Amino acid sequence: MPEATRQATVPGDHACLAGHFPDRPIVPAVLILELVTDAAREVIGALRVAAVRSAKFVSPLAPSQTMDIRLDWDAHAIRFRCERDGQPLAQGVLEYVATR
């Protein structure tokens, strides 16, 4: 099964952070999933996420923090694990369809 690691950082002025949350901003889970999908497209190629089979968010990601996105995949599923300084942030499985 192929494996890859990518890094992602959400800048502190990203529009999604307004109001999420005013006194202690955190990166929304949906944006983390978007970053995982972007990383998967970098290594797999054109794809469409067909379903989120599972997703668990265990620690918050603050703006401007860098996370490692670890991916492994087969023909239909991408398993991901997001970490910051070796600490787990999120993990799950996405079902996908190649779009080429």
PDB file of N, CA and C in Angstrom:
ATOM      1  N   MET A   1       0.842  -1.171   0.000  1.00  0.00           N
ATOM      2  CA  MET A   1       0.000   0.000   0.000  1.00  0.00           C
ATOM      3  C   MET A   1       0.892   1.240   0.000  1.00  0.00           C
ATOM      4  N   PRO A   2       0.711   2.163  -0.930  1.00  0.00           N
ATOM      5  CA  PRO A   2       1.540   3.376  -0.976  1.00  0.00           C
ATOM      6  C   PRO A   2       1.316   4.255   0.263  1.00  0.00           C
ATOM      7  N   GLU A   3       2.344   4.998   0.623  1.00  0.00           N
ATOM      8  CA  GLU A   3       2.276   5.918   1.747  1.00  0.00           C
ATOM      9  C   GLU A   3       2.906   7.241   1.356  1.00  0.00           C
ATOM     10  N   ALA A   4       2.445   8.320   1.990  1.00  0.00           N
ATOM     11  CA  ALA A   4       3.014   9.642   1.749  1.00  0.00           C
ATOM     12  C   ALA A   4       2.736  10.518   2.956  1.00  0.00           C
ATOM     13  N   THR A   5       3.572  11.528   3.137  1.00  0.00           N
ATOM     14  CA  THR A   5       3.362  12.523   4.186  1.00  0.00           C
ATOM     15  C   THR A   5       3.465  13.904   3.566  1.00  0.00           C
ATOM     16  N   ARG A   6       2.556  14.761   3.935  1.00  0.00           N
ATOM     17  CA  ARG A   6       2.547  16.156   3.509  1.00  0.00           C
ATOM     18  C   ARG A   6       2.367  17.022   4.746  1.00  0.00           C
ATOM     19  N   GLN A   7       2.697  18.311   4.628  1.00  0.00           N
ATOM     20  CA  GLN A   7       2.470  19.254   5.714  1.00  0.00           C
ATOM     21  C   GLN A   7       1.469  20.309   5.281  1.00  0.00           C
ATOM     22  N   ALA A   8       0.738  20.828   6.250  1.00  0.00           N
ATOM     23  CA  ALA A   8      -0.233  21.881   5.967  1.00  0.00           C
ATOM     24  C   ALA A   8      -0.287  22.838   7.152  1.00  0.00           C
ATOM     25  N   THR A   9      -0.474  24.113   6.838  1.00  0.00           N
ATOM     26  CA  THR A   9      -0.620  25.163   7.845  1.00  0.00           C
ATOM     27  C   THR A   9      -1.757  26.072   7.413  1.00  0.00           C
ATOM     28  N   VAL A  10      -2.639  26.394   8.340  1.00  0.00           N
ATOM     29  CA  VAL A  10      -3.733  27.327   8.073  1.00  0.00           C
ATOM     30  C   VAL A  10      -3.303  28.679   8.625  1.00  0.00           C
ATOM     31  N   PRO A  11      -3.193  29.702   7.755  1.00  0.00           N
ATOM     32  CA  PRO A  11      -2.768  31.015   8.240  1.00  0.00           C
ATOM     33  C   PRO A  11      -3.778  31.603   9.229  1.00  0.00           C
ATOM     34  N   GLY A  12      -3.273  32.403  10.149  1.00  0.00           N
ATOM     35  CA  GLY A  12      -4.111  32.998  11.178  1.00  0.00           C
ATOM     36  C   GLY A  12      -5.193  33.917  10.670  1.00  0.00           C
ATOM     37  N   ASP A  13      -5.050  34.395   9.435  1.00  0.00           N
ATOM     38  CA  ASP A  13      -6.072  35.305   8.889  1.00  0.00           C
ATOM     39  C   ASP A  13      -7.038  34.605   7.930  1.00  0.00           C
ATOM     40  N   HIS A  14      -7.042  33.261   7.931  1.00  0.00           N
ATOM     41  CA  HIS A  14      -7.950  32.516   7.043  1.00  0.00           C
ATOM     42  C   HIS A  14      -9.398  32.881   7.370  1.00  0.00           C
ATOM     43  N   ALA A  15     -10.213  33.068   6.361  1.00  0.00           N
ATOM     44  CA  ALA A  15     -11.600  33.514   6.536  1.00  0.00           C
ATOM     45  C   ALA A  15     -12.439  32.574   7.395  1.00  0.00           C
ATOM     46  N   CYS A  16     -12.154  31.289   7.378  1.00  0.00           N
ATOM     47  CA  CYS A  16     -12.960  30.331   8.150  1.00  0.00           C
ATOM     48  C   CYS A  16     -12.783  30.476   9.655  1.00  0.00           C
ATOM     49  N   LEU A  17     -11.746  31.173  10.081  1.00  0.00           N
ATOM     50  CA  LEU A  17     -11.474  31.281  11.508  1.00  0.00           C
ATOM     51  C   LEU A  17     -12.312  32.349  12.205  1.00  0.00           C
ATOM     52  N   ALA A  18     -12.877  33.274  11.430  1.00  0.00           N
ATOM     53  CA  ALA A  18     -13.700  34.332  12.034  1.00  0.00           C
ATOM     54  C   ALA A  18     -14.887  33.689  12.754  1.00  0.00           C
ATOM     55  N   GLY A  19     -14.952  33.883  14.056  1.00  0.00           N
ATOM     56  CA  GLY A  19     -16.047  33.332  14.838  1.00  0.00           C
ATOM     57  C   GLY A  19     -15.867  31.880  15.235  1.00  0.00           C
ATOM     58  N   HIS A  20     -14.708  31.283  14.943  1.00  0.00           N
ATOM     59  CA  HIS A  20     -14.516  29.847  15.246  1.00  0.00           C
ATOM     60  C   HIS A  20     -13.293  29.650  16.132  1.00  0.00           C
ATOM     61  N   PHE A  21     -13.120  30.061  17.170  1.00  0.00           N
ATOM     62  CA  PHE A  21     -13.943  30.700  18.185  1.00  0.00           C
ATOM     63  C   PHE A  21     -13.257  31.995  18.580  1.00  0.00           C
ATOM     64  N   PRO A  22     -14.011  33.038  18.915  1.00  0.00           N
ATOM     65  CA  PRO A  22     -13.421  34.371  19.088  1.00  0.00           C
ATOM     66  C   PRO A  22     -12.268  34.442  20.094  1.00  0.00           C
ATOM     67  N   ASP A  23     -12.374  33.797  21.247  1.00  0.00           N
ATOM     68  CA  ASP A  23     -11.325  33.911  22.257  1.00  0.00           C
ATOM     69  C   ASP A  23     -10.205  32.891  22.100  1.00  0.00           C
ATOM     70  N   ARG A  24     -10.490  31.810  21.367  1.00  0.00           N
ATOM     71  CA  ARG A  24      -9.482  30.761  21.154  1.00  0.00           C
ATOM     72  C   ARG A  24      -9.746  30.107  19.811  1.00  0.00           C
ATOM     73  N   PRO A  25      -9.260  30.716  18.727  1.00  0.00           N
ATOM     74  CA  PRO A  25      -9.562  30.162  17.396  1.00  0.00           C
ATOM     75  C   PRO A  25      -8.964  28.771  17.201  1.00  0.00           C
ATOM     76  N   ILE A  26      -9.747  27.909  16.550  1.00  0.00           N
ATOM     77  CA  ILE A  26      -9.265  26.594  16.149  1.00  0.00           C
ATOM     78  C   ILE A  26      -9.679  26.347  14.707  1.00  0.00           C
ATOM     79  N   VAL A  27      -8.925  25.518  14.037  1.00  0.00           N
ATOM     80  CA  VAL A  27      -9.209  25.184  12.641  1.00  0.00           C
ATOM     81  C   VAL A  27     -10.411  24.232  12.617  1.00  0.00           C
ATOM     82  N   PRO A  28     -11.462  24.569  11.854  1.00  0.00           N
ATOM     83  CA  PRO A  28     -12.628  23.692  11.781  1.00  0.00           C
ATOM     84  C   PRO A  28     -12.289  22.328  11.172  1.00  0.00           C
ATOM     85  N   ALA A  29     -12.982  21.307  11.640  1.00  0.00           N
ATOM     86  CA  ALA A  29     -12.758  19.949  11.153  1.00  0.00           C
ATOM     87  C   ALA A  29     -12.932  19.853   9.640  1.00  0.00           C
ATOM     88  N   VAL A  30     -13.911  20.568   9.115  1.00  0.00           N
ATOM     89  CA  VAL A  30     -14.153  20.491   7.669  1.00  0.00           C
ATOM     90  C   VAL A  30     -12.944  21.006   6.884  1.00  0.00           C
ATOM     91  N   LEU A  31     -12.240  21.999   7.413  1.00  0.00           N
ATOM     92  CA  LEU A  31     -11.043  22.497   6.729  1.00  0.00           C
ATOM     93  C   LEU A  31      -9.907  21.472   6.840  1.00  0.00           C
ATOM     94  N   ILE A  32      -9.806  20.791   7.962  1.00  0.00           N
ATOM     95  CA  ILE A  32      -8.799  19.729   8.074  1.00  0.00           C
ATOM     96  C   ILE A  32      -9.059  18.651   7.024  1.00  0.00           C
ATOM     97  N   LEU A  33     -10.328  18.267   6.848  1.00  0.00           N
ATOM     98  CA  LEU A  33     -10.661  17.275   5.811  1.00  0.00           C
ATOM     99  C   LEU A  33     -10.319  17.795   4.410  1.00  0.00           C
ATOM    100  N   GLU A  34     -10.524  19.083   4.180  1.00  0.00           N
ATOM    101  CA  GLU A  34     -10.167  19.667   2.880  1.00  0.00           C
ATOM    102  C   GLU A  34      -8.658  19.602   2.663  1.00  0.00           C
ATOM    103  N   LEU A  35      -7.877  19.875   3.710  1.00  0.00           N
ATOM    104  CA  LEU A  35      -6.420  19.799   3.595  1.00  0.00           C
ATOM    105  C   LEU A  35      -5.953  18.369   3.355  1.00  0.00           C
ATOM    106  N   VAL A  36      -6.617  17.413   3.993  1.00  0.00           N
ATOM    107  CA  VAL A  36      -6.306  15.995   3.754  1.00  0.00           C
ATOM    108  C   VAL A  36      -6.598  15.653   2.290  1.00  0.00           C
ATOM    109  N   THR A  37      -7.740  16.097   1.791  1.00  0.00           N
ATOM    110  CA  THR A  37      -8.108  15.834   0.389  1.00  0.00           C
ATOM    111  C   THR A  37      -7.106  16.476  -0.566  1.00  0.00           C
ATOM    112  N   ASP A  38      -6.700  17.707  -0.285  1.00  0.00           N
ATOM    113  CA  ASP A  38      -5.697  18.379  -1.130  1.00  0.00           C
ATOM    114  C   ASP A  38      -4.387  17.592  -1.140  1.00  0.00           C
ATOM    115  N   ALA A  39      -3.964  17.119   0.035  1.00  0.00           N
ATOM    116  CA  ALA A  39      -2.731  16.328   0.114  1.00  0.00           C
ATOM    117  C   ALA A  39      -2.872  15.037  -0.687  1.00  0.00           C
ATOM    118  N   ALA A  40      -4.044  14.406  -0.607  1.00  0.00           N
ATOM    119  CA  ALA A  40      -4.274  13.169  -1.369  1.00  0.00           C
ATOM    120  C   ALA A  40      -4.206  13.434  -2.866  1.00  0.00           C
ATOM    121  N   ARG A  41      -4.752  14.549  -3.300  1.00  0.00           N
ATOM    122  CA  ARG A  41      -4.691  14.888  -4.734  1.00  0.00           C
ATOM    123  C   ARG A  41      -3.256  15.095  -5.192  1.00  0.00           C
ATOM    124  N   GLU A  42      -2.413  15.648  -4.314  1.00  0.00           N
ATOM    125  CA  GLU A  42      -1.000  15.840  -4.671  1.00  0.00           C
ATOM    126  C   GLU A  42      -0.315  14.515  -4.964  1.00  0.00           C
ATOM    127  N   VAL A  43      -0.645  13.480  -4.198  1.00  0.00           N
ATOM    128  CA  VAL A  43       0.083  12.217  -4.335  1.00  0.00           C
ATOM    129  C   VAL A  43      -0.627  11.177  -5.192  1.00  0.00           C
ATOM    130  N   ILE A  44      -1.949  11.218  -5.234  1.00  0.00           N
ATOM    131  CA  ILE A  44      -2.702  10.223  -6.002  1.00  0.00           C
ATOM    132  C   ILE A  44      -3.085  10.751  -7.374  1.00  0.00           C
ATOM    133  N   GLY A  45      -3.415  12.028  -7.452  1.00  0.00           N
ATOM    134  CA  GLY A  45      -3.896  12.629  -8.691  1.00  0.00           C
ATOM    135  C   GLY A  45      -5.346  13.064  -8.527  1.00  0.00           C
ATOM    136  N   ALA A  46      -5.982  13.332  -9.637  1.00  0.00           N
ATOM    137  CA  ALA A  46      -7.353  13.842  -9.614  1.00  0.00           C
ATOM    138  C   ALA A  46      -8.288  12.825  -8.962  1.00  0.00           C
ATOM    139  N   LEU A  47      -9.036  13.293  -7.991  1.00  0.00           N
ATOM    140  CA  LEU A  47      -9.978  12.413  -7.316  1.00  0.00           C
ATOM    141  C   LEU A  47     -11.150  13.214  -6.765  1.00  0.00           C
ATOM    142  N   ARG A  48     -12.219  12.483  -6.484  1.00  0.00           N
ATOM    143  CA  ARG A  48     -13.406  13.050  -5.840  1.00  0.00           C
ATOM    144  C   ARG A  48     -13.664  12.208  -4.612  1.00  0.00           C
ATOM    145  N   VAL A  49     -13.851  12.862  -3.477  1.00  0.00           N
ATOM    146  CA  VAL A  49     -14.197  12.122  -2.265  1.00  0.00           C
ATOM    147  C   VAL A  49     -15.655  11.709  -2.375  1.00  0.00           C
ATOM    148  N   ALA A  50     -15.898  10.412  -2.302  1.00  0.00           N
ATOM    149  CA  ALA A  50     -17.257   9.885  -2.418  1.00  0.00           C
ATOM    150  C   ALA A  50     -17.932   9.778  -1.057  1.00  0.00           C
ATOM    151  N   ALA A  51     -17.149   9.543   0.004  1.00  0.00           N
ATOM    152  CA  ALA A  51     -17.725   9.407   1.337  1.00  0.00           C
ATOM    153  C   ALA A  51     -16.631   9.543   2.384  1.00  0.00           C
ATOM    154  N   VAL A  52     -17.036  10.014   3.538  1.00  0.00           N
ATOM    155  CA  VAL A  52     -16.164   9.995   4.700  1.00  0.00           C
ATOM    156  C   VAL A  52     -16.593   8.758   5.497  1.00  0.00           C
ATOM    157  N   ARG A  53     -15.811   7.700   5.379  1.00  0.00           N
ATOM    158  CA  ARG A  53     -16.158   6.440   6.044  1.00  0.00           C
ATOM    159  C   ARG A  53     -16.028   6.588   7.557  1.00  0.00           C
ATOM    160  N   SER A  54     -14.978   7.272   7.993  1.00  0.00           N
ATOM    161  CA  SER A  54     -14.804   7.561   9.418  1.00  0.00           C
ATOM    162  C   SER A  54     -13.914   8.782   9.557  1.00  0.00           C
ATOM    163  N   ALA A  55     -14.122   9.527  10.636  1.00  0.00           N
ATOM    164  CA  ALA A  55     -13.270  10.671  10.946  1.00  0.00           C
ATOM    165  C   ALA A  55     -13.375  10.934  12.442  1.00  0.00           C
ATOM    166  N   LYS A  56     -12.236  11.021  13.079  1.00  0.00           N
ATOM    167  CA  LYS A  56     -12.188  11.277  14.504  1.00  0.00           C
ATOM    168  C   LYS A  56     -11.190  12.403  14.732  1.00  0.00           C
ATOM    169  N   PHE A  57     -11.650  13.427  15.434  1.00  0.00           N
ATOM    170  CA  PHE A  57     -10.825  14.597  15.726  1.00  0.00           C
ATOM    171  C   PHE A  57     -10.556  14.596  17.229  1.00  0.00           C
ATOM    172  N   VAL A  58      -9.293  14.401  17.609  1.00  0.00           N
ATOM    173  CA  VAL A  58      -8.971  14.173  19.017  1.00  0.00           C
ATOM    174  C   VAL A  58      -8.306  15.354  19.715  1.00  0.00           C
ATOM    175  N   SER A  59      -7.737  16.274  18.958  1.00  0.00           N
ATOM    176  CA  SER A  59      -7.089  17.465  19.519  1.00  0.00           C
ATOM    177  C   SER A  59      -7.285  18.627  18.561  1.00  0.00           C
ATOM    178  N   PRO A  60      -7.372  19.837  19.088  1.00  0.00           N
ATOM    179  CA  PRO A  60      -7.555  20.993  18.208  1.00  0.00           C
ATOM    180  C   PRO A  60      -6.255  21.392  17.505  1.00  0.00           C
ATOM    181  N   LEU A  61      -6.429  22.005  16.348  1.00  0.00           N
ATOM    182  CA  LEU A  61      -5.322  22.613  15.600  1.00  0.00           C
ATOM    183  C   LEU A  61      -5.540  24.114  15.629  1.00  0.00           C
ATOM    184  N   ALA A  62      -4.566  24.835  16.138  1.00  0.00           N
ATOM    185  CA  ALA A  62      -4.655  26.290  16.196  1.00  0.00           C
ATOM    186  C   ALA A  62      -4.153  26.897  14.888  1.00  0.00           C
ATOM    187  N   PRO A  63      -4.629  28.097  14.566  1.00  0.00           N
ATOM    188  CA  PRO A  63      -4.118  28.779  13.371  1.00  0.00           C
ATOM    189  C   PRO A  63      -2.594  28.919  13.438  1.00  0.00           C
ATOM    190  N   SER A  64      -1.973  28.828  12.296  1.00  0.00           N
ATOM    191  CA  SER A  64      -0.527  28.975  12.105  1.00  0.00           C
ATOM    192  C   SER A  64       0.290  27.797  12.630  1.00  0.00           C
ATOM    193  N   GLN A  65      -0.352  26.765  13.181  1.00  0.00           N
ATOM    194  CA  GLN A  65       0.374  25.554  13.554  1.00  0.00           C
ATOM    195  C   GLN A  65       0.475  24.655  12.319  1.00  0.00           C
ATOM    196  N   THR A  66       1.595  23.985  12.187  1.00  0.00           N
ATOM    197  CA  THR A  66       1.795  23.073  11.079  1.00  0.00           C
ATOM    198  C   THR A  66       1.436  21.657  11.514  1.00  0.00           C
ATOM    199  N   MET A  67       0.708  20.967  10.647  1.00  0.00           N
ATOM    200  CA  MET A  67       0.390  19.565  10.932  1.00  0.00           C
ATOM    201  C   MET A  67       0.955  18.690   9.827  1.00  0.00           C
ATOM    202  N   ASP A  68       1.323  17.478  10.215  1.00  0.00           N
ATOM    203  CA  ASP A  68       1.738  16.455   9.262  1.00  0.00           C
ATOM    204  C   ASP A  68       0.506  15.644   8.897  1.00  0.00           C
ATOM    205  N   ILE A  69       0.332  15.396   7.620  1.00  0.00           N
ATOM    206  CA  ILE A  69      -0.769  14.572   7.123  1.00  0.00           C
ATOM    207  C   ILE A  69      -0.145  13.302   6.561  1.00  0.00           C
ATOM    208  N   ARG A  70      -0.409  12.187   7.215  1.00  0.00           N
ATOM    209  CA  ARG A  70       0.117  10.890   6.778  1.00  0.00           C
ATOM    210  C   ARG A  70      -1.004  10.154   6.057  1.00  0.00           C
ATOM    211  N   LEU A  71      -0.700   9.703   4.846  1.00  0.00           N
ATOM    212  CA  LEU A  71      -1.694   9.038   4.001  1.00  0.00           C
ATOM    213  C   LEU A  71      -1.215   7.651   3.600  1.00  0.00           C
ATOM    214  N   ASP A  72      -2.135   6.719   3.541  1.00  0.00           N
ATOM    215  CA  ASP A  72      -1.892   5.485   2.797  1.00  0.00           C
ATOM    216  C   ASP A  72      -3.206   5.147   2.106  1.00  0.00           C
ATOM    217  N   TRP A  73      -3.106   4.489   0.959  1.00  0.00           N
ATOM    218  CA  TRP A  73      -4.296   4.318   0.140  1.00  0.00           C
ATOM    219  C   TRP A  73      -4.220   3.071  -0.710  1.00  0.00           C
ATOM    220  N   ASP A  74      -5.407   2.688  -1.176  1.00  0.00           N
ATOM    221  CA  ASP A  74      -5.530   1.639  -2.179  1.00  0.00           C
ATOM    222  C   ASP A  74      -6.417   2.203  -3.284  1.00  0.00           C
ATOM    223  N   ALA A  75      -7.013   1.365  -4.086  1.00  0.00           N
ATOM    224  CA  ALA A  75      -7.773   1.832  -5.246  1.00  0.00           C
ATOM    225  C   ALA A  75      -9.049   2.595  -4.886  1.00  0.00           C
ATOM    226  N   HIS A  76      -9.542   2.458  -3.654  1.00  0.00           N
ATOM    227  CA  HIS A  76     -10.823   3.083  -3.310  1.00  0.00           C
ATOM    228  C   HIS A  76     -10.850   3.828  -1.985  1.00  0.00           C
ATOM    229  N   ALA A  77      -9.843   3.677  -1.146  1.00  0.00           N
ATOM    230  CA  ALA A  77      -9.881   4.286   0.181  1.00  0.00           C
ATOM    231  C   ALA A  77      -8.545   4.932   0.532  1.00  0.00           C
ATOM    232  N   ILE A  78      -8.649   6.043   1.240  1.00  0.00           N
ATOM    233  CA  ILE A  78      -7.482   6.768   1.747  1.00  0.00           C
ATOM    234  C   ILE A  78      -7.581   6.762   3.266  1.00  0.00           C
ATOM    235  N   ARG A  79      -6.569   6.235   3.934  1.00  0.00           N
ATOM    236  CA  ARG A  79      -6.504   6.301   5.376  1.00  0.00           C
ATOM    237  C   ARG A  79      -5.591   7.479   5.728  1.00  0.00           C
ATOM    238  N   PHE A  80      -6.049   8.328   6.646  1.00  0.00           N
ATOM    239  CA  PHE A  80      -5.251   9.494   6.999  1.00  0.00           C
ATOM    240  C   PHE A  80      -5.059   9.587   8.504  1.00  0.00           C
ATOM    241  N   ARG A  81      -3.963  10.232   8.855  1.00  0.00           N
ATOM    242  CA  ARG A  81      -3.655  10.541  10.247  1.00  0.00           C
ATOM    243  C   ARG A  81      -2.988  11.909  10.239  1.00  0.00           C
ATOM    244  N   CYS A  82      -3.530  12.824  10.999  1.00  0.00           N
ATOM    245  CA  CYS A  82      -2.967  14.167  11.122  1.00  0.00           C
ATOM    246  C   CYS A  82      -2.325  14.294  12.495  1.00  0.00           C
ATOM    247  N   GLU A  83      -1.117  14.856  12.518  1.00  0.00           N
ATOM    248  CA  GLU A  83      -0.366  14.994  13.765  1.00  0.00           C
ATOM    249  C   GLU A  83       0.291  16.364  13.834  1.00  0.00           C
ATOM    250  N   ARG A  84       0.499  16.816  15.052  1.00  0.00           N
ATOM    251  CA  ARG A  84       1.278  18.030  15.296  1.00  0.00           C
ATOM    252  C   ARG A  84       2.326  17.675  16.337  1.00  0.00           C
ATOM    253  N   ASP A  85       3.572  17.797  15.978  1.00  0.00           N
ATOM    254  CA  ASP A  85       4.675  17.441  16.883  1.00  0.00           C
ATOM    255  C   ASP A  85       4.524  16.022  17.433  1.00  0.00           C
ATOM    256  N   GLY A  86       4.075  15.100  16.577  1.00  0.00           N
ATOM    257  CA  GLY A  86       3.929  13.709  16.962  1.00  0.00           C
ATOM    258  C   GLY A  86       2.654  13.390  17.739  1.00  0.00           C
ATOM    259  N   GLN A  87       1.873  14.397  18.061  1.00  0.00           N
ATOM    260  CA  GLN A  87       0.621  14.195  18.796  1.00  0.00           C
ATOM    261  C   GLN A  87      -0.541  14.083  17.818  1.00  0.00           C
ATOM    262  N   PRO A  88      -1.423  13.106  17.980  1.00  0.00           N
ATOM    263  CA  PRO A  88      -2.536  12.939  17.041  1.00  0.00           C
ATOM    264  C   PRO A  88      -3.550  14.081  17.128  1.00  0.00           C
ATOM    265  N   LEU A  89      -3.997  14.519  15.949  1.00  0.00           N
ATOM    266  CA  LEU A  89      -5.053  15.528  15.828  1.00  0.00           C
ATOM    267  C   LEU A  89      -6.325  14.907  15.267  1.00  0.00           C
ATOM    268  N   ALA A  90      -6.163  14.106  14.227  1.00  0.00           N
ATOM    269  CA  ALA A  90      -7.323  13.525  13.540  1.00  0.00           C
ATOM    270  C   ALA A  90      -6.892  12.273  12.805  1.00  0.00           C
ATOM    271  N   GLN A  91      -7.874  11.404  12.567  1.00  0.00           N
ATOM    272  CA  GLN A  91      -7.613  10.214  11.754  1.00  0.00           C
ATOM    273  C   GLN A  91      -8.922   9.751  11.150  1.00  0.00           C
ATOM    274  N   GLY A  92      -8.826   9.008  10.069  1.00  0.00           N
ATOM    275  CA  GLY A  92     -10.039   8.491   9.459  1.00  0.00           C
ATOM    276  C   GLY A  92      -9.785   7.832   8.130  1.00  0.00           C
ATOM    277  N   VAL A  93     -10.884   7.566   7.432  1.00  0.00           N
ATOM    278  CA  VAL A  93     -10.842   6.910   6.131  1.00  0.00           C
ATOM    279  C   VAL A  93     -11.803   7.632   5.195  1.00  0.00           C
ATOM    280  N   LEU A  94     -11.301   7.977   4.013  1.00  0.00           N
ATOM    281  CA  LEU A  94     -12.110   8.585   2.956  1.00  0.00           C
ATOM    282  C   LEU A  94     -12.237   7.605   1.806  1.00  0.00           C
ATOM    283  N   GLU A  95     -13.431   7.438   1.294  1.00  0.00           N
ATOM    284  CA  GLU A  95     -13.619   6.678   0.056  1.00  0.00           C
ATOM    285  C   GLU A  95     -13.510   7.669  -1.088  1.00  0.00           C
ATOM    286  N   TYR A  96     -12.855   7.247  -2.177  1.00  0.00           N
ATOM    287  CA  TYR A  96     -12.666   8.178  -3.287  1.00  0.00           C
ATOM    288  C   TYR A  96     -12.847   7.479  -4.629  1.00  0.00           C
ATOM    289  N   VAL A  97     -13.038   8.338  -5.644  1.00  0.00           N
ATOM    290  CA  VAL A  97     -13.133   7.886  -7.027  1.00  0.00           C
ATOM    291  C   VAL A  97     -12.139   8.711  -7.827  1.00  0.00           C
ATOM    292  N   ALA A  98     -11.292   8.051  -8.603  1.00  0.00           N
ATOM    293  CA  ALA A  98     -10.380   8.779  -9.501  1.00  0.00           C
ATOM    294  C   ALA A  98     -11.214   9.462 -10.570  1.00  0.00           C
ATOM    295  N   THR A  99     -10.832  10.697 -10.904  1.00  0.00           N
ATOM    296  CA  THR A  99     -11.624  11.457 -11.877  1.00  0.00           C
ATOM    297  C   THR A  99     -10.948  11.638 -13.221  1.00  0.00           C
ATOM    298  N   ARG A 100      -9.924  10.878 -13.488  1.00  0.00           N
ATOM    299  CA  ARG A 100      -9.269  10.966 -14.797  1.00  0.00           C
ATOM    300  C   ARG A 100      -9.748   9.847 -15.671  1.00  0.00           C
TER     301      ARG A 100
END
